[in-house]
N, C-alpha and C. Protein backbone atom coordinates (compact mmCIF):
# COMPACT_ATOMS: atom_id res chain seq x y z
N MET A 1 9.65 -16.38 -22.54
CA MET A 1 9.50 -17.01 -21.24
C MET A 1 8.56 -16.16 -20.39
N PRO A 2 7.51 -16.76 -19.81
CA PRO A 2 6.56 -15.97 -19.01
C PRO A 2 7.21 -15.46 -17.72
N ARG A 3 6.70 -14.33 -17.26
CA ARG A 3 7.20 -13.76 -16.01
C ARG A 3 6.78 -14.63 -14.84
N PRO A 4 7.63 -14.71 -13.80
CA PRO A 4 7.21 -15.41 -12.59
C PRO A 4 6.04 -14.67 -11.97
N ARG A 5 5.16 -15.39 -11.33
CA ARG A 5 4.00 -14.75 -10.72
C ARG A 5 4.12 -14.75 -9.21
N CYS A 6 3.77 -13.64 -8.62
CA CYS A 6 3.70 -13.51 -7.16
C CYS A 6 2.28 -13.13 -6.77
N ALA A 7 1.36 -13.25 -7.68
CA ALA A 7 0.05 -12.66 -7.47
C ALA A 7 -1.01 -13.70 -7.18
N SER A 8 -1.92 -13.33 -6.34
CA SER A 8 -3.12 -14.11 -6.11
C SER A 8 -4.25 -13.38 -6.83
N ALA A 9 -4.93 -14.05 -7.73
CA ALA A 9 -6.01 -13.42 -8.48
C ALA A 9 -7.16 -13.01 -7.58
N ALA A 10 -7.17 -13.49 -6.36
CA ALA A 10 -8.29 -13.23 -5.45
C ALA A 10 -8.09 -11.99 -4.58
N LEU A 11 -6.99 -11.26 -4.73
CA LEU A 11 -6.74 -10.10 -3.86
C LEU A 11 -7.89 -9.10 -3.86
N LEU A 12 -8.25 -8.65 -5.04
CA LEU A 12 -9.31 -7.66 -5.13
C LEU A 12 -10.63 -8.23 -4.63
N SER A 13 -10.91 -9.46 -4.99
CA SER A 13 -12.16 -10.08 -4.54
C SER A 13 -12.24 -10.15 -3.02
N MET A 14 -11.12 -10.50 -2.38
CA MET A 14 -11.12 -10.57 -0.90
C MET A 14 -11.37 -9.20 -0.29
N CYS A 15 -10.70 -8.19 -0.82
CA CYS A 15 -10.85 -6.85 -0.27
C CYS A 15 -12.29 -6.36 -0.44
N LEU A 16 -12.85 -6.54 -1.62
CA LEU A 16 -14.22 -6.10 -1.86
C LEU A 16 -15.21 -6.91 -1.04
N PHE A 17 -14.91 -8.19 -0.84
CA PHE A 17 -15.75 -9.03 0.02
C PHE A 17 -15.76 -8.48 1.44
N LEU A 18 -14.58 -8.13 1.96
CA LEU A 18 -14.51 -7.56 3.32
C LEU A 18 -15.36 -6.31 3.43
N LEU A 19 -15.24 -5.43 2.44
CA LEU A 19 -16.03 -4.20 2.47
C LEU A 19 -17.52 -4.49 2.40
N ALA A 20 -17.90 -5.48 1.62
CA ALA A 20 -19.32 -5.83 1.50
C ALA A 20 -19.85 -6.46 2.79
N VAL A 21 -19.04 -7.31 3.45
CA VAL A 21 -19.47 -7.99 4.67
C VAL A 21 -19.66 -7.00 5.81
N VAL A 22 -18.69 -6.09 5.98
CA VAL A 22 -18.78 -5.18 7.11
C VAL A 22 -19.72 -4.02 6.83
N GLY A 23 -20.02 -3.74 5.57
CA GLY A 23 -20.94 -2.66 5.24
C GLY A 23 -20.50 -1.35 5.86
N ASP A 24 -21.43 -0.67 6.51
CA ASP A 24 -21.13 0.60 7.15
C ASP A 24 -20.83 0.44 8.64
N ASP A 25 -20.83 -0.77 9.14
CA ASP A 25 -20.72 -1.02 10.58
C ASP A 25 -19.28 -1.33 10.98
N TRP A 26 -18.39 -0.34 10.83
CA TRP A 26 -17.00 -0.53 11.23
C TRP A 26 -16.36 0.82 11.51
N ASP A 27 -15.38 0.82 12.40
CA ASP A 27 -14.61 2.03 12.68
C ASP A 27 -13.20 1.91 12.11
N VAL A 28 -12.63 0.72 12.21
CA VAL A 28 -11.28 0.47 11.68
C VAL A 28 -11.31 -0.89 10.99
N LEU A 29 -10.79 -0.93 9.79
CA LEU A 29 -10.67 -2.18 9.04
C LEU A 29 -9.22 -2.31 8.61
N VAL A 30 -8.59 -3.41 8.96
CA VAL A 30 -7.19 -3.64 8.62
C VAL A 30 -7.12 -4.80 7.62
N ALA A 31 -6.45 -4.55 6.51
CA ALA A 31 -6.21 -5.61 5.52
C ALA A 31 -4.70 -5.67 5.28
N HIS A 32 -4.14 -6.85 5.37
CA HIS A 32 -2.70 -7.02 5.16
C HIS A 32 -2.49 -7.83 3.89
N PHE A 33 -1.84 -7.24 2.92
CA PHE A 33 -1.56 -7.92 1.66
C PHE A 33 -0.07 -8.27 1.64
N LEU A 34 0.22 -9.53 1.71
CA LEU A 34 1.59 -10.01 1.84
C LEU A 34 2.32 -10.09 0.50
N GLY A 35 1.62 -9.98 -0.60
CA GLY A 35 2.21 -10.22 -1.91
C GLY A 35 3.40 -9.36 -2.26
N VAL A 36 3.36 -8.05 -1.94
CA VAL A 36 4.48 -7.17 -2.26
C VAL A 36 5.71 -7.62 -1.48
N ASP A 37 5.55 -7.93 -0.22
CA ASP A 37 6.67 -8.39 0.61
C ASP A 37 7.24 -9.70 0.05
N HIS A 38 6.36 -10.63 -0.27
CA HIS A 38 6.79 -11.92 -0.81
C HIS A 38 7.57 -11.73 -2.12
N CYS A 39 7.03 -10.91 -3.00
CA CYS A 39 7.67 -10.66 -4.29
C CYS A 39 9.05 -10.02 -4.09
N GLY A 40 9.14 -9.08 -3.16
CA GLY A 40 10.42 -8.43 -2.89
C GLY A 40 11.47 -9.41 -2.41
N HIS A 41 11.08 -10.29 -1.49
CA HIS A 41 12.04 -11.28 -0.98
C HIS A 41 12.45 -12.27 -2.05
N ARG A 42 11.51 -12.64 -2.88
CA ARG A 42 11.81 -13.68 -3.88
C ARG A 42 12.60 -13.14 -5.07
N PHE A 43 12.26 -11.92 -5.53
CA PHE A 43 12.85 -11.41 -6.76
C PHE A 43 13.62 -10.10 -6.61
N GLY A 44 13.43 -9.37 -5.52
CA GLY A 44 14.05 -8.06 -5.37
C GLY A 44 13.14 -6.96 -5.89
N PRO A 45 13.42 -5.70 -5.53
CA PRO A 45 12.51 -4.60 -5.83
C PRO A 45 12.47 -4.18 -7.30
N ASP A 46 13.48 -4.52 -8.07
CA ASP A 46 13.55 -4.04 -9.45
C ASP A 46 13.17 -5.09 -10.49
N HIS A 47 12.67 -6.22 -10.06
CA HIS A 47 12.31 -7.31 -10.96
C HIS A 47 10.94 -7.02 -11.61
N PRO A 48 10.74 -7.44 -12.85
CA PRO A 48 9.43 -7.23 -13.50
C PRO A 48 8.25 -7.82 -12.70
N ALA A 49 8.48 -8.89 -11.96
CA ALA A 49 7.39 -9.46 -11.16
C ALA A 49 6.96 -8.48 -10.06
N MET A 50 7.90 -7.69 -9.53
CA MET A 50 7.54 -6.68 -8.53
C MET A 50 6.70 -5.58 -9.18
N ALA A 51 7.07 -5.17 -10.39
CA ALA A 51 6.27 -4.17 -11.10
C ALA A 51 4.85 -4.69 -11.33
N ASP A 52 4.73 -5.96 -11.69
CA ASP A 52 3.40 -6.56 -11.87
C ASP A 52 2.61 -6.55 -10.56
N LYS A 53 3.27 -6.90 -9.46
CA LYS A 53 2.59 -6.94 -8.16
C LYS A 53 2.15 -5.53 -7.74
N LEU A 54 3.01 -4.54 -7.94
CA LEU A 54 2.66 -3.17 -7.57
C LEU A 54 1.50 -2.65 -8.43
N THR A 55 1.48 -3.03 -9.70
CA THR A 55 0.35 -2.66 -10.57
C THR A 55 -0.94 -3.30 -10.06
N GLN A 56 -0.84 -4.56 -9.63
CA GLN A 56 -2.01 -5.24 -9.09
C GLN A 56 -2.49 -4.55 -7.81
N MET A 57 -1.57 -4.21 -6.93
CA MET A 57 -1.96 -3.53 -5.68
C MET A 57 -2.54 -2.15 -5.96
N ASP A 58 -2.02 -1.47 -6.98
CA ASP A 58 -2.58 -0.19 -7.38
C ASP A 58 -4.05 -0.35 -7.76
N GLY A 59 -4.37 -1.42 -8.47
CA GLY A 59 -5.76 -1.70 -8.83
C GLY A 59 -6.63 -1.96 -7.61
N VAL A 60 -6.09 -2.69 -6.64
CA VAL A 60 -6.84 -2.95 -5.41
C VAL A 60 -7.12 -1.64 -4.68
N ILE A 61 -6.10 -0.81 -4.55
CA ILE A 61 -6.26 0.47 -3.83
C ILE A 61 -7.26 1.36 -4.56
N ARG A 62 -7.17 1.42 -5.89
CA ARG A 62 -8.12 2.23 -6.66
C ARG A 62 -9.56 1.73 -6.46
N SER A 63 -9.74 0.43 -6.43
CA SER A 63 -11.08 -0.14 -6.23
C SER A 63 -11.62 0.18 -4.85
N VAL A 64 -10.76 0.16 -3.85
CA VAL A 64 -11.18 0.53 -2.50
C VAL A 64 -11.54 2.01 -2.47
N ILE A 65 -10.70 2.86 -3.06
CA ILE A 65 -10.96 4.30 -3.09
C ILE A 65 -12.31 4.59 -3.73
N ASP A 66 -12.63 3.88 -4.81
CA ASP A 66 -13.92 4.10 -5.49
C ASP A 66 -15.11 3.80 -4.60
N ARG A 67 -14.91 3.04 -3.53
CA ARG A 67 -16.01 2.62 -2.66
C ARG A 67 -16.01 3.32 -1.29
N LEU A 68 -15.07 4.24 -1.08
CA LEU A 68 -14.98 4.90 0.23
C LEU A 68 -16.10 5.90 0.41
N GLN A 69 -16.60 5.97 1.64
CA GLN A 69 -17.55 7.01 1.99
C GLN A 69 -16.78 8.28 2.31
N ASN A 70 -17.47 9.41 2.30
CA ASN A 70 -16.81 10.71 2.49
C ASN A 70 -16.13 10.87 3.83
N ASP A 71 -16.58 10.16 4.85
CA ASP A 71 -15.99 10.34 6.18
C ASP A 71 -14.92 9.29 6.49
N THR A 72 -14.31 8.73 5.46
CA THR A 72 -13.34 7.65 5.63
C THR A 72 -11.93 8.14 5.30
N LEU A 73 -10.98 7.70 6.07
CA LEU A 73 -9.56 7.95 5.79
C LEU A 73 -8.92 6.61 5.47
N LEU A 74 -8.34 6.51 4.30
CA LEU A 74 -7.62 5.30 3.89
C LEU A 74 -6.14 5.52 4.19
N VAL A 75 -5.54 4.58 4.90
CA VAL A 75 -4.12 4.63 5.22
C VAL A 75 -3.48 3.38 4.62
N VAL A 76 -2.53 3.59 3.73
CA VAL A 76 -1.79 2.49 3.11
C VAL A 76 -0.33 2.70 3.48
N MET A 77 0.29 1.67 4.04
CA MET A 77 1.68 1.86 4.46
C MET A 77 2.46 0.56 4.36
N GLY A 78 3.74 0.74 4.19
CA GLY A 78 4.66 -0.39 4.23
C GLY A 78 5.28 -0.48 5.61
N ASP A 79 5.70 -1.67 6.00
CA ASP A 79 6.29 -1.81 7.33
C ASP A 79 7.81 -1.78 7.28
N HIS A 80 8.40 -1.79 6.09
CA HIS A 80 9.85 -1.69 5.94
C HIS A 80 10.19 -1.53 4.47
N GLY A 81 11.41 -1.17 4.20
CA GLY A 81 11.91 -1.14 2.82
C GLY A 81 12.66 -2.42 2.54
N MET A 82 13.56 -2.38 1.53
CA MET A 82 14.35 -3.58 1.23
C MET A 82 15.59 -3.19 0.45
N THR A 83 16.58 -4.05 0.53
CA THR A 83 17.80 -3.85 -0.23
C THR A 83 17.55 -4.23 -1.69
N ASP A 84 18.56 -4.03 -2.52
CA ASP A 84 18.44 -4.39 -3.93
C ASP A 84 18.24 -5.88 -4.14
N THR A 85 18.60 -6.68 -3.14
CA THR A 85 18.44 -8.13 -3.25
C THR A 85 17.19 -8.63 -2.54
N GLY A 86 16.38 -7.73 -1.98
CA GLY A 86 15.11 -8.12 -1.36
C GLY A 86 15.20 -8.42 0.12
N ASP A 87 16.30 -8.06 0.75
CA ASP A 87 16.46 -8.31 2.19
C ASP A 87 16.04 -7.07 2.99
N HIS A 88 15.81 -7.27 4.27
CA HIS A 88 15.55 -6.16 5.19
C HIS A 88 15.90 -6.62 6.60
N GLY A 89 15.87 -5.70 7.51
CA GLY A 89 16.20 -6.02 8.89
C GLY A 89 17.43 -5.29 9.38
N GLY A 90 18.12 -4.66 8.46
CA GLY A 90 19.32 -3.89 8.81
C GLY A 90 18.98 -2.43 9.02
N GLU A 91 20.01 -1.62 9.05
CA GLU A 91 19.84 -0.19 9.33
C GLU A 91 20.04 0.71 8.13
N SER A 92 20.22 0.14 6.94
CA SER A 92 20.43 0.99 5.77
C SER A 92 19.15 1.75 5.43
N GLN A 93 19.32 2.86 4.74
CA GLN A 93 18.16 3.68 4.40
C GLN A 93 17.18 2.90 3.53
N LYS A 94 17.68 2.09 2.61
CA LYS A 94 16.78 1.30 1.76
C LYS A 94 15.95 0.32 2.58
N GLU A 95 16.48 -0.15 3.70
CA GLU A 95 15.75 -1.11 4.54
C GLU A 95 14.78 -0.43 5.49
N THR A 96 15.08 0.79 5.89
CA THR A 96 14.24 1.45 6.89
C THR A 96 13.22 2.41 6.29
N ASP A 97 13.39 2.82 5.03
CA ASP A 97 12.40 3.68 4.39
C ASP A 97 11.17 2.84 4.04
N ALA A 98 10.01 3.42 4.26
CA ALA A 98 8.76 2.74 3.91
C ALA A 98 7.75 3.78 3.43
N ALA A 99 6.85 3.36 2.57
CA ALA A 99 5.86 4.27 1.99
C ALA A 99 4.70 4.51 2.96
N LEU A 100 4.10 5.68 2.83
CA LEU A 100 2.89 6.03 3.57
C LEU A 100 2.00 6.82 2.62
N PHE A 101 0.76 6.37 2.44
CA PHE A 101 -0.21 7.02 1.55
C PHE A 101 -1.49 7.23 2.33
N LEU A 102 -1.98 8.46 2.35
CA LEU A 102 -3.23 8.79 3.02
C LEU A 102 -4.20 9.35 1.98
N TYR A 103 -5.46 8.93 2.05
CA TYR A 103 -6.46 9.42 1.11
C TYR A 103 -7.81 9.51 1.79
N SER A 104 -8.51 10.59 1.51
CA SER A 104 -9.88 10.76 1.97
C SER A 104 -10.68 11.41 0.85
N PRO A 105 -11.91 10.94 0.60
CA PRO A 105 -12.74 11.58 -0.42
C PRO A 105 -13.07 13.03 -0.07
N SER A 106 -13.06 13.35 1.22
CA SER A 106 -13.35 14.71 1.68
C SER A 106 -12.05 15.38 2.09
N PRO A 107 -11.99 16.71 1.98
CA PRO A 107 -10.77 17.41 2.43
C PRO A 107 -10.49 17.14 3.91
N VAL A 108 -9.24 16.87 4.21
CA VAL A 108 -8.84 16.60 5.58
C VAL A 108 -8.16 17.82 6.18
N PHE A 109 -7.38 18.52 5.36
CA PHE A 109 -6.62 19.68 5.81
C PHE A 109 -7.29 20.95 5.31
N PRO A 110 -7.30 22.01 6.13
CA PRO A 110 -7.91 23.27 5.70
C PRO A 110 -7.06 23.93 4.62
N GLY A 111 -7.70 24.74 3.80
CA GLY A 111 -6.98 25.51 2.79
C GLY A 111 -7.08 24.88 1.42
N PRO A 112 -6.84 25.69 0.41
CA PRO A 112 -6.90 25.17 -0.96
C PRO A 112 -5.78 24.16 -1.21
N PRO A 113 -6.02 23.20 -2.10
CA PRO A 113 -5.02 22.16 -2.36
C PRO A 113 -3.66 22.72 -2.75
N SER A 114 -3.62 23.85 -3.44
CA SER A 114 -2.33 24.39 -3.87
C SER A 114 -1.50 24.87 -2.69
N GLN A 115 -2.14 25.13 -1.55
CA GLN A 115 -1.41 25.61 -0.38
C GLN A 115 -1.17 24.51 0.64
N VAL A 116 -1.68 23.33 0.37
CA VAL A 116 -1.53 22.23 1.33
C VAL A 116 -0.50 21.26 0.78
N GLY A 117 0.51 21.02 1.55
CA GLY A 117 1.53 20.05 1.18
C GLY A 117 2.43 19.84 2.37
N TYR A 118 2.58 18.63 2.78
CA TYR A 118 3.36 18.32 3.96
C TYR A 118 4.41 17.28 3.61
N LYS A 119 5.59 17.48 4.09
CA LYS A 119 6.64 16.49 3.95
C LYS A 119 7.17 16.19 5.34
N LEU A 120 7.15 14.93 5.70
CA LEU A 120 7.64 14.52 7.00
C LEU A 120 9.02 13.92 6.86
N SER A 121 9.89 14.29 7.74
CA SER A 121 11.23 13.72 7.75
C SER A 121 11.53 13.23 9.16
N PHE A 122 12.01 12.03 9.26
CA PHE A 122 12.33 11.47 10.56
C PHE A 122 13.82 11.17 10.60
N ASN A 123 14.47 11.66 11.63
CA ASN A 123 15.90 11.40 11.80
C ASN A 123 16.09 10.33 12.85
N ARG A 124 17.05 9.46 12.61
CA ARG A 124 17.36 8.43 13.61
C ARG A 124 18.03 9.10 14.81
N THR A 125 17.71 8.57 15.97
CA THR A 125 18.34 9.10 17.18
C THR A 125 19.17 8.01 17.83
């Protein structure tokens, strides 16, 4: 039985099109990919369709990284987590945790890579 699909084959094409259209004339570019959220709600975070979607998004991010100029900072983030059943909106750690990925082709922080490492922790108040 084939896996359910949550993917749009045009994701990468749209992202690369945006980069081609704006060229070098931009300060901030925002792209929102709804597929991971949709897949999570429909199937939950541990379903094979979610793994497929995350693999697809990994390819999109890698393609964007390959095209970044040295003075660019790429910020990839989630707006929320989800429960084992794909829900969110509550106060559980699974619902409030979200990913944050920062990448720049040029060093952003001073010092050798072996000495640079930051972990941020936020406590609820």
